[in-house]
């Protein structure tokens, strides 16, 4: 079942991403020759107008093949009629921008919708609002009942889970808190908050009790958006930790590790699995926009350079840089996959 779950999840995420590019390209008046999900031999294909729609045997990956004047025309196109009309390059800068970012935007929206669906049967959720302090809690000047924690050490608190994450990331050091109290924003720096055994059971906790909020339909939509933003924040904070050395390459998870995680969560509950899928979709929306050649963010970087120079880069050099970026991504993929397999064998 692990393989089936992974295929469904990866296929869905990729389909949504490519669908975003496809819709934006059509709206921008760019000719789309092919909209493909998967690689290898086609198991289904149908020509509708100018576009060939195809589902291929290997369900990982996909592509939207737009008219590119810098490439050779498709086999069924007369080279004599191969002009810039309808090409990606012919579209205005803003229209091309919309095409480039549409894939990541669709991933974010799909993650948001999945969270909303998962949240539909949920009536109450914890919120980052203090309802009381544990007996013996000493920091009563900093924290009071009714306080809403909005930031810890620069980590924005979108949902209650962000508090747990921020406290864990800052464990062993003092914290900087931003709190909303009676309509005012209050900041406390170097707060020595640490977990203690407040009730004599041996269980360590921070001594802050938090409230639960009842969610109506519209509230669930707002909570889903906050959760999606929390996922997005986790993605770029994780990147920052990699850059600063607080996290290592061994902490990265590739397709093998993700497939294993999907399977484990599916065995616990399908809601938990789909919650993780939403996390993946939102993370992909961030990662794919990194300014790395070979990713959509790399394309956007070239477009920004074009905007500054007021003329596009030489297509030849842009292709060279993109191929180099794809090569580095492939090397990273192999490395992360090796670590995934090594962890599974060791575990």
C-alpha atoms as a PDB file:
ATOM      1  CA  UNK A   1       0.000   0.000   0.000  1.00  0.00           C
ATOM      2  CA  UNK A   2       2.975   2.343   0.554  1.00  0.00           C
ATOM      3  CA  UNK A   3       3.603   2.544  -3.184  1.00  0.00           C
ATOM      4  CA  UNK A   4      -0.080   3.131  -3.963  1.00  0.00           C
ATOM      5  CA  UNK A   5      -0.403   5.926  -1.406  1.00  0.00           C
ATOM      6  CA  UNK A   6       2.818   7.548  -2.644  1.00  0.00           C
ATOM      7  CA  UNK A   7       1.726   7.351  -6.289  1.00  0.00           C
ATOM      8  CA  UNK A   8      -1.648   8.929  -5.510  1.00  0.00           C
ATOM      9  CA  UNK A   9      -0.104  11.716  -3.438  1.00  0.00           C
ATOM     10  CA  UNK A  10       2.781  12.553  -5.751  1.00  0.00           C
ATOM     11  CA  UNK A  11       0.531  12.304  -8.790  1.00  0.00           C
ATOM     12  CA  UNK A  12      -2.035  14.652  -7.233  1.00  0.00           C
ATOM     13  CA  UNK A  13       0.533  17.252  -6.182  1.00  0.00           C
ATOM     14  CA  UNK A  14       2.217  17.236  -9.593  1.00  0.00           C
ATOM     15  CA  UNK A  15      -1.107  17.337 -11.439  1.00  0.00           C
ATOM     16  CA  UNK A  16      -2.237  20.375  -9.464  1.00  0.00           C
ATOM     17  CA  UNK A  17       1.104  22.109 -10.043  1.00  0.00           C
ATOM     18  CA  UNK A  18       1.069  21.533 -13.799  1.00  0.00           C
ATOM     19  CA  UNK A  19      -2.614  22.446 -13.968  1.00  0.00           C
ATOM     20  CA  UNK A  20      -1.715  25.842 -12.547  1.00  0.00           C
ATOM     21  CA  UNK A  21       0.845  26.441 -15.308  1.00  0.00           C
ATOM     22  CA  UNK A  22      -1.625  25.183 -17.917  1.00  0.00           C
ATOM     23  CA  UNK A  23      -4.515  27.420 -16.841  1.00  0.00           C
ATOM     24  CA  UNK A  24      -2.260  30.480 -16.602  1.00  0.00           C
ATOM     25  CA  UNK A  25      -0.699  29.790 -20.023  1.00  0.00           C
ATOM     26  CA  UNK A  26      -4.113  29.439 -21.671  1.00  0.00           C
ATOM     27  CA  UNK A  27      -5.314  32.632 -19.974  1.00  0.00           C
ATOM     28  CA  UNK A  28      -2.178  34.437 -21.195  1.00  0.00           C
ATOM     29  CA  UNK A  29      -2.823  33.430 -24.801  1.00  0.00           C
ATOM     30  CA  UNK A  30       0.233  31.177 -24.963  1.00  0.00           C
ATOM     31  CA  UNK A  31      -0.017  28.138 -27.250  1.00  0.00           C
ATOM     32  CA  UNK A  32       0.094  24.899 -25.241  1.00  0.00           C
ATOM     33  CA  UNK A  33       0.983  21.873 -27.362  1.00  0.00           C
ATOM     34  CA  UNK A  34       0.812  19.258 -24.633  1.00  0.00           C
ATOM     35  CA  UNK A  35      -0.464  18.805 -21.083  1.00  0.00           C
ATOM     36  CA  UNK A  36       1.069  15.614 -19.712  1.00  0.00           C
ATOM     37  CA  UNK A  37       0.909  13.793 -16.398  1.00  0.00           C
ATOM     38  CA  UNK A  38       3.638  11.197 -15.895  1.00  0.00           C
ATOM     39  CA  UNK A  39       6.438   9.996 -18.136  1.00  0.00           C
ATOM     40  CA  UNK A  40       6.970   7.120 -20.548  1.00  0.00           C
ATOM     41  CA  UNK A  41       4.466   5.556 -22.958  1.00  0.00           C
ATOM     42  CA  UNK A  42       1.009   7.147 -23.047  1.00  0.00           C
ATOM     43  CA  UNK A  43      -1.826   5.099 -21.555  1.00  0.00           C
ATOM     44  CA  UNK A  44      -4.323   7.775 -22.550  1.00  0.00           C
ATOM     45  CA  UNK A  45      -4.112  10.705 -24.940  1.00  0.00           C
ATOM     46  CA  UNK A  46      -6.588  12.952 -26.683  1.00  0.00           C
ATOM     47  CA  UNK A  47      -6.103  15.936 -28.956  1.00  0.00           C
ATOM     48  CA  UNK A  48      -8.423  18.844 -28.209  1.00  0.00           C
ATOM     49  CA  UNK A  49      -7.745  21.888 -30.332  1.00  0.00           C
ATOM     50  CA  UNK A  50      -4.083  22.794 -30.243  1.00  0.00           C
ATOM     51  CA  UNK A  51      -3.378  20.748 -27.105  1.00  0.00           C
ATOM     52  CA  UNK A  52      -2.626  17.049 -26.689  1.00  0.00           C
ATOM     53  CA  UNK A  53      -3.747  15.783 -23.277  1.00  0.00           C
ATOM     54  CA  UNK A  54      -1.874  12.673 -22.119  1.00  0.00           C
ATOM     55  CA  UNK A  55      -1.524  10.410 -19.115  1.00  0.00           C
ATOM     56  CA  UNK A  56       1.663   8.370 -19.232  1.00  0.00           C
ATOM     57  CA  UNK A  57       2.729   5.079 -17.660  1.00  0.00           C
ATOM     58  CA  UNK A  58       5.090   6.361 -14.963  1.00  0.00           C
ATOM     59  CA  UNK A  59       2.909   8.523 -12.692  1.00  0.00           C
ATOM     60  CA  UNK A  60       5.740  10.662 -11.271  1.00  0.00           C
ATOM     61  CA  UNK A  61       6.230  14.020 -12.940  1.00  0.00           C
ATOM     62  CA  UNK A  62       4.425  15.906 -15.625  1.00  0.00           C
ATOM     63  CA  UNK A  63       4.829  18.758 -18.050  1.00  0.00           C
ATOM     64  CA  UNK A  64       3.090  21.607 -19.810  1.00  0.00           C
ATOM     65  CA  UNK A  65       4.717  22.013 -23.232  1.00  0.00           C
ATOM     66  CA  UNK A  66       4.241  25.613 -24.329  1.00  0.00           C
ATOM     67  CA  UNK A  67       5.327  27.127 -27.609  1.00  0.00           C
ATOM     68  CA  UNK A  68       8.968  28.157 -27.192  1.00  0.00           C
ATOM     69  CA  UNK A  69      10.418  30.063 -30.109  1.00  0.00           C
ATOM     70  CA  UNK A  70      13.935  29.172 -28.950  1.00  0.00           C
ATOM     71  CA  UNK A  71      13.261  25.466 -29.502  1.00  0.00           C
ATOM     72  CA  UNK A  72      12.645  23.454 -32.657  1.00  0.00           C
ATOM     73  CA  UNK A  73       8.974  23.163 -33.696  1.00  0.00           C
ATOM     74  CA  UNK A  74       7.073  19.921 -32.980  1.00  0.00           C
ATOM     75  CA  UNK A  75       7.203  17.299 -35.720  1.00  0.00           C
ATOM     76  CA  UNK A  76       3.668  18.036 -36.928  1.00  0.00           C
ATOM     77  CA  UNK A  77       4.319  21.785 -37.304  1.00  0.00           C
ATOM     78  CA  UNK A  78       5.543  23.244 -40.599  1.00  0.00           C
ATOM     79  CA  UNK A  79       8.900  24.948 -39.842  1.00  0.00           C
ATOM     80  CA  UNK A  80       8.001  27.679 -42.342  1.00  0.00           C
ATOM     81  CA  UNK A  81       5.062  28.698 -40.153  1.00  0.00           C
ATOM     82  CA  UNK A  82       7.121  28.650 -36.956  1.00  0.00           C
ATOM     83  CA  UNK A  83       6.800  32.248 -35.753  1.00  0.00           C
ATOM     84  CA  UNK A  84       6.858  33.920 -32.353  1.00  0.00           C
ATOM     85  CA  UNK A  85       3.067  34.329 -32.321  1.00  0.00           C
ATOM     86  CA  UNK A  86       1.580  32.489 -29.359  1.00  0.00           C
ATOM     87  CA  UNK A  87       4.997  31.694 -27.868  1.00  0.00           C
ATOM     88  CA  UNK A  88       5.979  32.091 -24.231  1.00  0.00           C
ATOM     89  CA  UNK A  89       8.548  34.729 -25.234  1.00  0.00           C
ATOM     90  CA  UNK A  90       5.938  36.771 -27.116  1.00  0.00           C
ATOM     91  CA  UNK A  91       3.705  37.173 -24.052  1.00  0.00           C
ATOM     92  CA  UNK A  92       4.072  40.279 -21.892  1.00  0.00           C
ATOM     93  CA  UNK A  93       6.294  40.147 -18.810  1.00  0.00           C
ATOM     94  CA  UNK A  94       3.322  40.115 -16.434  1.00  0.00           C
ATOM     95  CA  UNK A  95       1.643  37.265 -18.313  1.00  0.00           C
ATOM     96  CA  UNK A  96       4.819  35.217 -18.277  1.00  0.00           C
ATOM     97  CA  UNK A  97       5.168  35.988 -14.562  1.00  0.00           C
ATOM     98  CA  UNK A  98       1.667  34.652 -13.954  1.00  0.00           C
ATOM     99  CA  UNK A  99       2.527  31.426 -15.785  1.00  0.00           C
ATOM    100  CA  UNK A 100       5.737  30.888 -13.810  1.00  0.00           C
ATOM    101  CA  UNK A 101       4.197  31.422 -10.355  1.00  0.00           C
ATOM    102  CA  UNK A 102       0.868  29.681 -11.120  1.00  0.00           C
ATOM    103  CA  UNK A 103       2.165  26.184 -10.313  1.00  0.00           C
ATOM    104  CA  UNK A 104       3.307  27.116  -6.806  1.00  0.00           C
ATOM    105  CA  UNK A 105       0.160  29.160  -6.228  1.00  0.00           C
ATOM    106  CA  UNK A 106      -1.996  26.162  -7.117  1.00  0.00           C
ATOM    107  CA  UNK A 107      -0.008  23.960  -4.736  1.00  0.00           C
ATOM    108  CA  UNK A 108      -0.596  26.443  -1.915  1.00  0.00           C
ATOM    109  CA  UNK A 109      -4.315  26.672  -2.706  1.00  0.00           C
ATOM    110  CA  UNK A 110      -4.650  22.878  -2.911  1.00  0.00           C
ATOM    111  CA  UNK A 111      -2.911  22.528   0.454  1.00  0.00           C
ATOM    112  CA  UNK A 112      -5.307  25.089   1.917  1.00  0.00           C
ATOM    113  CA  UNK A 113      -8.340  23.232   0.542  1.00  0.00           C
ATOM    114  CA  UNK A 114      -7.096  19.870   1.861  1.00  0.00           C
ATOM    115  CA  UNK A 115      -6.659  21.364   5.338  1.00  0.00           C
ATOM    116  CA  UNK A 116     -10.164  22.828   5.163  1.00  0.00           C
ATOM    117  CA  UNK A 117     -11.668  19.454   4.194  1.00  0.00           C
ATOM    118  CA  UNK A 118      -9.751  17.666   6.956  1.00  0.00           C
ATOM    119  CA  UNK A 119     -10.966  20.294   9.444  1.00  0.00           C
ATOM    120  CA  UNK A 120     -14.641  19.969   8.483  1.00  0.00           C
ATOM    121  CA  UNK A 121     -15.571  17.440  11.226  1.00  0.00           C
ATOM    122  CA  UNK A 122     -13.460  19.224  13.876  1.00  0.00           C
ATOM    123  CA  UNK A 123     -15.470  21.276  16.350  1.00  0.00           C
ATOM    124  CA  UNK A 124     -12.760  22.691  18.644  1.00  0.00           C
ATOM    125  CA  UNK A 125      -9.074  23.562  18.259  1.00  0.00           C
ATOM    126  CA  UNK A 126      -6.436  24.815  20.670  1.00  0.00           C
ATOM    127  CA  UNK A 127      -5.554  28.458  20.209  1.00  0.00           C
ATOM    128  CA  UNK A 128      -2.511  30.477  21.349  1.00  0.00           C
ATOM    129  CA  UNK A 129      -4.459  32.262  24.099  1.00  0.00           C
ATOM    130  CA  UNK A 130      -3.473  31.740  27.733  1.00  0.00           C
ATOM    131  CA  UNK A 131      -6.303  30.634  30.030  1.00  0.00           C
ATOM    132  CA  UNK A 132      -4.259  30.156  33.167  1.00  0.00           C
ATOM    133  CA  UNK A 133      -0.883  29.526  34.733  1.00  0.00           C
ATOM    134  CA  UNK A 134       0.305  26.440  36.571  1.00  0.00           C
ATOM    135  CA  UNK A 135       0.641  26.540  40.375  1.00  0.00           C
ATOM    136  CA  UNK A 136       4.149  27.695  41.175  1.00  0.00           C
ATOM    137  CA  UNK A 137       4.652  29.424  37.832  1.00  0.00           C
ATOM    138  CA  UNK A 138       7.028  32.331  38.496  1.00  0.00           C
ATOM    139  CA  UNK A 139       6.783  34.517  35.398  1.00  0.00           C
ATOM    140  CA  UNK A 140       3.470  36.125  36.310  1.00  0.00           C
ATOM    141  CA  UNK A 141       4.681  39.579  35.315  1.00  0.00           C
ATOM    142  CA  UNK A 142       5.216  38.431  31.714  1.00  0.00           C
ATOM    143  CA  UNK A 143       2.172  36.218  31.210  1.00  0.00           C
ATOM    144  CA  UNK A 144      -1.463  36.708  32.191  1.00  0.00           C
ATOM    145  CA  UNK A 145      -4.770  35.067  31.509  1.00  0.00           C
ATOM    146  CA  UNK A 146      -6.185  36.267  28.173  1.00  0.00           C
ATOM    147  CA  UNK A 147      -2.797  36.956  26.579  1.00  0.00           C
ATOM    148  CA  UNK A 148      -2.492  35.933  22.936  1.00  0.00           C
ATOM    149  CA  UNK A 149       1.037  34.942  21.991  1.00  0.00           C
ATOM    150  CA  UNK A 150       1.797  36.214  18.482  1.00  0.00           C
ATOM    151  CA  UNK A 151       5.558  35.720  18.140  1.00  0.00           C
ATOM    152  CA  UNK A 152       8.371  33.763  19.804  1.00  0.00           C
ATOM    153  CA  UNK A 153      11.983  34.458  18.803  1.00  0.00           C
ATOM    154  CA  UNK A 154      10.886  35.797  15.418  1.00  0.00           C
ATOM    155  CA  UNK A 155       8.680  32.745  14.798  1.00  0.00           C
ATOM    156  CA  UNK A 156       5.183  34.007  13.990  1.00  0.00           C
ATOM    157  CA  UNK A 157       2.426  32.187  15.851  1.00  0.00           C
ATOM    158  CA  UNK A 158      -0.307  31.399  13.336  1.00  0.00           C
ATOM    159  CA  UNK A 159      -1.755  28.424  15.247  1.00  0.00           C
ATOM    160  CA  UNK A 160      -1.200  26.781  18.626  1.00  0.00           C
ATOM    161  CA  UNK A 161       1.226  24.216  17.154  1.00  0.00           C
ATOM    162  CA  UNK A 162       3.605  27.078  16.300  1.00  0.00           C
ATOM    163  CA  UNK A 163       4.081  27.714  20.016  1.00  0.00           C
ATOM    164  CA  UNK A 164       5.310  24.162  20.549  1.00  0.00           C
ATOM    165  CA  UNK A 165       7.627  24.421  17.537  1.00  0.00           C
ATOM    166  CA  UNK A 166       9.064  27.796  18.565  1.00  0.00           C
ATOM    167  CA  UNK A 167       9.659  26.682  22.162  1.00  0.00           C
ATOM    168  CA  UNK A 168      11.385  23.534  20.961  1.00  0.00           C
ATOM    169  CA  UNK A 169      13.613  25.455  18.532  1.00  0.00           C
ATOM    170  CA  UNK A 170      14.686  27.844  21.283  1.00  0.00           C
ATOM    171  CA  UNK A 171      15.112  25.214  24.001  1.00  0.00           C
ATOM    172  CA  UNK A 172      18.012  25.911  26.370  1.00  0.00           C
ATOM    173  CA  UNK A 173      18.003  29.667  25.782  1.00  0.00           C
ATOM    174  CA  UNK A 174      15.904  32.628  26.858  1.00  0.00           C
ATOM    175  CA  UNK A 175      12.953  33.597  24.656  1.00  0.00           C
ATOM    176  CA  UNK A 176      11.656  36.823  23.154  1.00  0.00           C
ATOM    177  CA  UNK A 177       7.844  36.991  23.249  1.00  0.00           C
ATOM    178  CA  UNK A 178       5.360  39.260  21.525  1.00  0.00           C
ATOM    179  CA  UNK A 179       1.924  39.249  23.171  1.00  0.00           C
ATOM    180  CA  UNK A 180      -1.410  40.901  22.471  1.00  0.00           C
ATOM    181  CA  UNK A 181      -3.049  42.044  25.713  1.00  0.00           C
ATOM    182  CA  UNK A 182      -6.183  44.182  25.945  1.00  0.00           C
ATOM    183  CA  UNK A 183      -5.731  45.429  22.389  1.00  0.00           C
ATOM    184  CA  UNK A 184      -2.072  46.359  22.912  1.00  0.00           C
ATOM    185  CA  UNK A 185       1.101  44.719  21.634  1.00  0.00           C
ATOM    186  CA  UNK A 186       3.633  43.965  24.363  1.00  0.00           C
ATOM    187  CA  UNK A 187       7.153  42.606  23.892  1.00  0.00           C
ATOM    188  CA  UNK A 188       9.214  40.764  26.485  1.00  0.00           C
ATOM    189  CA  UNK A 189      12.860  39.962  25.828  1.00  0.00           C
ATOM    190  CA  UNK A 190      15.123  37.325  27.383  1.00  0.00           C
ATOM    191  CA  UNK A 191      12.326  35.471  29.171  1.00  0.00           C
ATOM    192  CA  UNK A 192      13.834  32.462  31.054  1.00  0.00           C
ATOM    193  CA  UNK A 193      10.971  30.070  30.301  1.00  0.00           C
ATOM    194  CA  UNK A 194      11.820  26.401  30.748  1.00  0.00           C
ATOM    195  CA  UNK A 195       9.832  23.192  31.261  1.00  0.00           C
ATOM    196  CA  UNK A 196       9.305  22.014  34.830  1.00  0.00           C
ATOM    197  CA  UNK A 197       7.402  19.361  36.764  1.00  0.00           C
ATOM    198  CA  UNK A 198       4.587  21.505  38.112  1.00  0.00           C
ATOM    199  CA  UNK A 199       2.265  18.753  39.350  1.00  0.00           C
ATOM    200  CA  UNK A 200       4.748  16.219  40.755  1.00  0.00           C
ATOM    201  CA  UNK A 201       4.007  13.573  38.125  1.00  0.00           C
ATOM    202  CA  UNK A 202       7.399  13.786  36.452  1.00  0.00           C
ATOM    203  CA  UNK A 203       5.835  15.346  33.348  1.00  0.00           C
ATOM    204  CA  UNK A 204       7.661  18.472  32.192  1.00  0.00           C
ATOM    205  CA  UNK A 205       5.694  21.407  30.801  1.00  0.00           C
ATOM    206  CA  UNK A 206       6.094  25.141  30.439  1.00  0.00           C
ATOM    207  CA  UNK A 207       3.356  26.072  32.887  1.00  0.00           C
ATOM    208  CA  UNK A 208       1.100  27.865  30.410  1.00  0.00           C
ATOM    209  CA  UNK A 209      -2.461  26.646  29.872  1.00  0.00           C
ATOM    210  CA  UNK A 210      -4.136  27.442  26.578  1.00  0.00           C
ATOM    211  CA  UNK A 211      -7.759  27.793  25.560  1.00  0.00           C
ATOM    212  CA  UNK A 212      -9.869  25.960  22.981  1.00  0.00           C
ATOM    213  CA  UNK A 213     -11.972  27.750  20.402  1.00  0.00           C
ATOM    214  CA  UNK A 214     -15.136  26.498  18.731  1.00  0.00           C
ATOM    215  CA  UNK A 215     -14.946  26.641  14.950  1.00  0.00           C
ATOM    216  CA  UNK A 216     -17.839  27.589  12.684  1.00  0.00           C
ATOM    217  CA  UNK A 217     -17.685  27.097   8.920  1.00  0.00           C
ATOM    218  CA  UNK A 218     -16.063  30.460   8.190  1.00  0.00           C
ATOM    219  CA  UNK A 219     -13.772  30.036  11.199  1.00  0.00           C
ATOM    220  CA  UNK A 220     -12.509  26.765   9.738  1.00  0.00           C
ATOM    221  CA  UNK A 221     -11.565  28.537   6.532  1.00  0.00           C
ATOM    222  CA  UNK A 222      -9.596  31.117   8.494  1.00  0.00           C
ATOM    223  CA  UNK A 223      -7.959  28.427  10.604  1.00  0.00           C
ATOM    224  CA  UNK A 224      -7.067  26.484   7.456  1.00  0.00           C
ATOM    225  CA  UNK A 225      -5.389  29.565   5.977  1.00  0.00           C
ATOM    226  CA  UNK A 226      -3.425  30.134   9.193  1.00  0.00           C
ATOM    227  CA  UNK A 227      -2.342  26.493   9.163  1.00  0.00           C
ATOM    228  CA  UNK A 228      -1.206  26.780   5.541  1.00  0.00           C
ATOM    229  CA  UNK A 229       0.792  29.888   6.450  1.00  0.00           C
ATOM    230  CA  UNK A 230       2.282  27.967   9.373  1.00  0.00           C
ATOM    231  CA  UNK A 231       3.396  25.240   6.953  1.00  0.00           C
ATOM    232  CA  UNK A 232       4.856  27.881   4.628  1.00  0.00           C
ATOM    233  CA  UNK A 233       6.752  29.452   7.533  1.00  0.00           C
ATOM    234  CA  UNK A 234       8.157  26.051   8.512  1.00  0.00           C
ATOM    235  CA  UNK A 235       9.496  25.634   4.977  1.00  0.00           C
ATOM    236  CA  UNK A 236      11.494  28.843   4.878  1.00  0.00           C
ATOM    237  CA  UNK A 237      12.584  28.566   8.518  1.00  0.00           C
ATOM    238  CA  UNK A 238      13.916  25.072   7.755  1.00  0.00           C
ATOM    239  CA  UNK A 239      15.869  26.478   4.829  1.00  0.00           C
ATOM    240  CA  UNK A 240      17.325  29.107   7.129  1.00  0.00           C
ATOM    241  CA  UNK A 241      18.379  26.412   9.591  1.00  0.00           C
ATOM    242  CA  UNK A 242      20.123  24.513   6.781  1.00  0.00           C
ATOM    243  CA  UNK A 243      21.981  27.636   5.693  1.00  0.00           C
ATOM    244  CA  UNK A 244      23.062  28.515   9.241  1.00  0.00           C
ATOM    245  CA  UNK A 245      24.033  24.937  10.096  1.00  0.00           C
ATOM    246  CA  UNK A 246      21.352  24.392  12.754  1.00  0.00           C
ATOM    247  CA  UNK A 247      20.064  21.547  10.578  1.00  0.00           C
ATOM    248  CA  UNK A 248      22.060  19.174   8.394  1.00  0.00           C
ATOM    249  CA  UNK A 249      21.546  17.342   5.138  1.00  0.00           C
ATOM    250  CA  UNK A 250      20.604  14.233   7.126  1.00  0.00           C
ATOM    251  CA  UNK A 251      17.484  16.089   8.286  1.00  0.00           C
ATOM    252  CA  UNK A 252      16.184  16.352   4.722  1.00  0.00           C
ATOM    253  CA  UNK A 253      13.521  13.922   3.529  1.00  0.00           C
ATOM    254  CA  UNK A 254      13.259  12.714  -0.068  1.00  0.00           C
ATOM    255  CA  UNK A 255      10.667  10.731  -2.001  1.00  0.00           C
ATOM    256  CA  UNK A 256      11.459   7.443  -0.235  1.00  0.00           C
ATOM    257  CA  UNK A 257      11.183   9.026   3.196  1.00  0.00           C
ATOM    258  CA  UNK A 258       8.022  10.884   2.219  1.00  0.00           C
ATOM    259  CA  UNK A 259       6.450   7.688   0.875  1.00  0.00           C
ATOM    260  CA  UNK A 260       7.254   5.920   4.155  1.00  0.00           C
ATOM    261  CA  UNK A 261       5.803   8.810   6.167  1.00  0.00           C
ATOM    262  CA  UNK A 262       2.640   8.825   4.047  1.00  0.00           C
ATOM    263  CA  UNK A 263       2.183   5.085   4.611  1.00  0.00           C
ATOM    264  CA  UNK A 264       2.678   5.351   8.389  1.00  0.00           C
ATOM    265  CA  UNK A 265       0.212   8.214   8.682  1.00  0.00           C
ATOM    266  CA  UNK A 266      -2.336   6.415   6.493  1.00  0.00           C
ATOM    267  CA  UNK A 267      -2.202   3.441   8.869  1.00  0.00           C
ATOM    268  CA  UNK A 268      -3.007   5.779  11.771  1.00  0.00           C
ATOM    269  CA  UNK A 269      -5.782   7.717  10.022  1.00  0.00           C
ATOM    270  CA  UNK A 270      -6.558   8.972   6.546  1.00  0.00           C
ATOM    271  CA  UNK A 271      -7.141  12.458   7.988  1.00  0.00           C
ATOM    272  CA  UNK A 272      -3.596  12.461   9.364  1.00  0.00           C
ATOM    273  CA  UNK A 273      -2.253  11.351   5.990  1.00  0.00           C
ATOM    274  CA  UNK A 274      -4.071  14.084   4.087  1.00  0.00           C
ATOM    275  CA  UNK A 275      -2.931  16.652   6.644  1.00  0.00           C
ATOM    276  CA  UNK A 276       0.626  15.626   5.782  1.00  0.00           C
ATOM    277  CA  UNK A 277      -0.204  15.849   2.072  1.00  0.00           C
ATOM    278  CA  UNK A 278      -1.325  19.447   2.641  1.00  0.00           C
ATOM    279  CA  UNK A 279       1.981  20.093   4.377  1.00  0.00           C
ATOM    280  CA  UNK A 280       3.842  18.686   1.353  1.00  0.00           C
ATOM    281  CA  UNK A 281       1.814  20.774  -1.103  1.00  0.00           C
ATOM    282  CA  UNK A 282       2.446  24.020   0.775  1.00  0.00           C
ATOM    283  CA  UNK A 283       6.146  23.180   1.196  1.00  0.00           C
ATOM    284  CA  UNK A 284       6.427  22.524  -2.544  1.00  0.00           C
ATOM    285  CA  UNK A 285       4.860  25.916  -3.239  1.00  0.00           C
ATOM    286  CA  UNK A 286       7.794  27.478  -1.367  1.00  0.00           C
ATOM    287  CA  UNK A 287      10.619  25.218  -2.530  1.00  0.00           C
ATOM    288  CA  UNK A 288       9.682  25.487  -6.193  1.00  0.00           C
ATOM    289  CA  UNK A 289       9.986  29.274  -6.059  1.00  0.00           C
ATOM    290  CA  UNK A 290      13.560  29.248  -4.740  1.00  0.00           C
ATOM    291  CA  UNK A 291      15.831  31.142  -7.161  1.00  0.00           C
ATOM    292  CA  UNK A 292      17.563  27.954  -8.316  1.00  0.00           C
ATOM    293  CA  UNK A 293      17.992  27.274 -12.057  1.00  0.00           C
ATOM    294  CA  UNK A 294      15.834  24.318 -13.026  1.00  0.00           C
ATOM    295  CA  UNK A 295      12.999  25.358 -10.714  1.00  0.00           C
ATOM    296  CA  UNK A 296      10.234  27.857 -11.425  1.00  0.00           C
ATOM    297  CA  UNK A 297      12.030  30.246  -9.077  1.00  0.00           C
ATOM    298  CA  UNK A 298      15.034  30.035 -11.382  1.00  0.00           C
ATOM    299  CA  UNK A 299      12.855  31.059 -14.323  1.00  0.00           C
ATOM    300  CA  UNK A 300      11.523  33.945 -12.270  1.00  0.00           C
ATOM    301  CA  UNK A 301      15.099  34.983 -11.452  1.00  0.00           C
ATOM    302  CA  UNK A 302      15.927  35.139 -15.184  1.00  0.00           C
ATOM    303  CA  UNK A 303      12.789  37.224 -15.734  1.00  0.00           C
ATOM    304  CA  UNK A 304      13.812  39.671 -12.989  1.00  0.00           C
ATOM    305  CA  UNK A 305      17.223  40.016 -14.626  1.00  0.00           C
ATOM    306  CA  UNK A 306      15.421  40.640 -17.911  1.00  0.00           C
ATOM    307  CA  UNK A 307      13.295  43.318 -16.264  1.00  0.00           C
ATOM    308  CA  UNK A 308      16.381  45.064 -14.881  1.00  0.00           C
ATOM    309  CA  UNK A 309      18.353  44.793 -18.150  1.00  0.00           C
ATOM    310  CA  UNK A 310      15.266  45.630 -20.226  1.00  0.00           C
ATOM    311  CA  UNK A 311      16.108  42.759 -22.539  1.00  0.00           C
ATOM    312  CA  UNK A 312      16.088  38.973 -22.124  1.00  0.00           C
ATOM    313  CA  UNK A 313      19.191  36.917 -21.497  1.00  0.00           C
ATOM    314  CA  UNK A 314      20.674  34.939 -24.354  1.00  0.00           C
ATOM    315  CA  UNK A 315      18.551  31.768 -24.542  1.00  0.00           C
ATOM    316  CA  UNK A 316      21.664  29.636 -25.014  1.00  0.00           C
ATOM    317  CA  UNK A 317      23.237  30.735 -21.740  1.00  0.00           C
ATOM    318  CA  UNK A 318      19.933  30.547 -19.907  1.00  0.00           C
ATOM    319  CA  UNK A 319      19.623  26.913 -21.015  1.00  0.00           C
ATOM    320  CA  UNK A 320      23.181  26.140 -19.917  1.00  0.00           C
ATOM    321  CA  UNK A 321      22.538  27.532 -16.440  1.00  0.00           C
ATOM    322  CA  UNK A 322      19.184  25.705 -16.197  1.00  0.00           C
ATOM    323  CA  UNK A 323      20.768  22.375 -17.172  1.00  0.00           C
ATOM    324  CA  UNK A 324      23.499  22.902 -14.579  1.00  0.00           C
ATOM    325  CA  UNK A 325      20.843  23.626 -11.945  1.00  0.00           C
ATOM    326  CA  UNK A 326      18.913  20.501 -12.894  1.00  0.00           C
ATOM    327  CA  UNK A 327      22.126  18.489 -12.602  1.00  0.00           C
ATOM    328  CA  UNK A 328      22.726  19.774  -9.076  1.00  0.00           C
ATOM    329  CA  UNK A 329      19.120  19.039  -8.148  1.00  0.00           C
ATOM    330  CA  UNK A 330      19.538  15.477  -9.447  1.00  0.00           C
ATOM    331  CA  UNK A 331      22.708  14.991  -7.379  1.00  0.00           C
ATOM    332  CA  UNK A 332      20.881  16.289  -4.289  1.00  0.00           C
ATOM    333  CA  UNK A 333      17.950  13.987  -5.050  1.00  0.00           C
ATOM    334  CA  UNK A 334      20.246  10.939  -5.196  1.00  0.00           C
ATOM    335  CA  UNK A 335      21.973  11.959  -1.958  1.00  0.00           C
ATOM    336  CA  UNK A 336      18.710  12.495  -0.071  1.00  0.00           C
ATOM    337  CA  UNK A 337      17.264   9.234  -1.429  1.00  0.00           C
ATOM    338  CA  UNK A 338      20.358   7.383  -0.206  1.00  0.00           C
ATOM    339  CA  UNK A 339      19.874   8.890   3.264  1.00  0.00           C
ATOM    340  CA  UNK A 340      16.185   7.929   3.211  1.00  0.00           C
ATOM    341  CA  UNK A 341      17.005   4.301   2.416  1.00  0.00           C
ATOM    342  CA  UNK A 342      19.799   4.228   5.003  1.00  0.00           C
ATOM    343  CA  UNK A 343      17.399   5.517   7.697  1.00  0.00           C
ATOM    344  CA  UNK A 344      14.788   2.917   6.767  1.00  0.00           C
ATOM    345  CA  UNK A 345      17.353   0.105   6.945  1.00  0.00           C
ATOM    346  CA  UNK A 346      18.739   1.378  10.274  1.00  0.00           C
ATOM    347  CA  UNK A 347      15.245   1.857  11.689  1.00  0.00           C
END
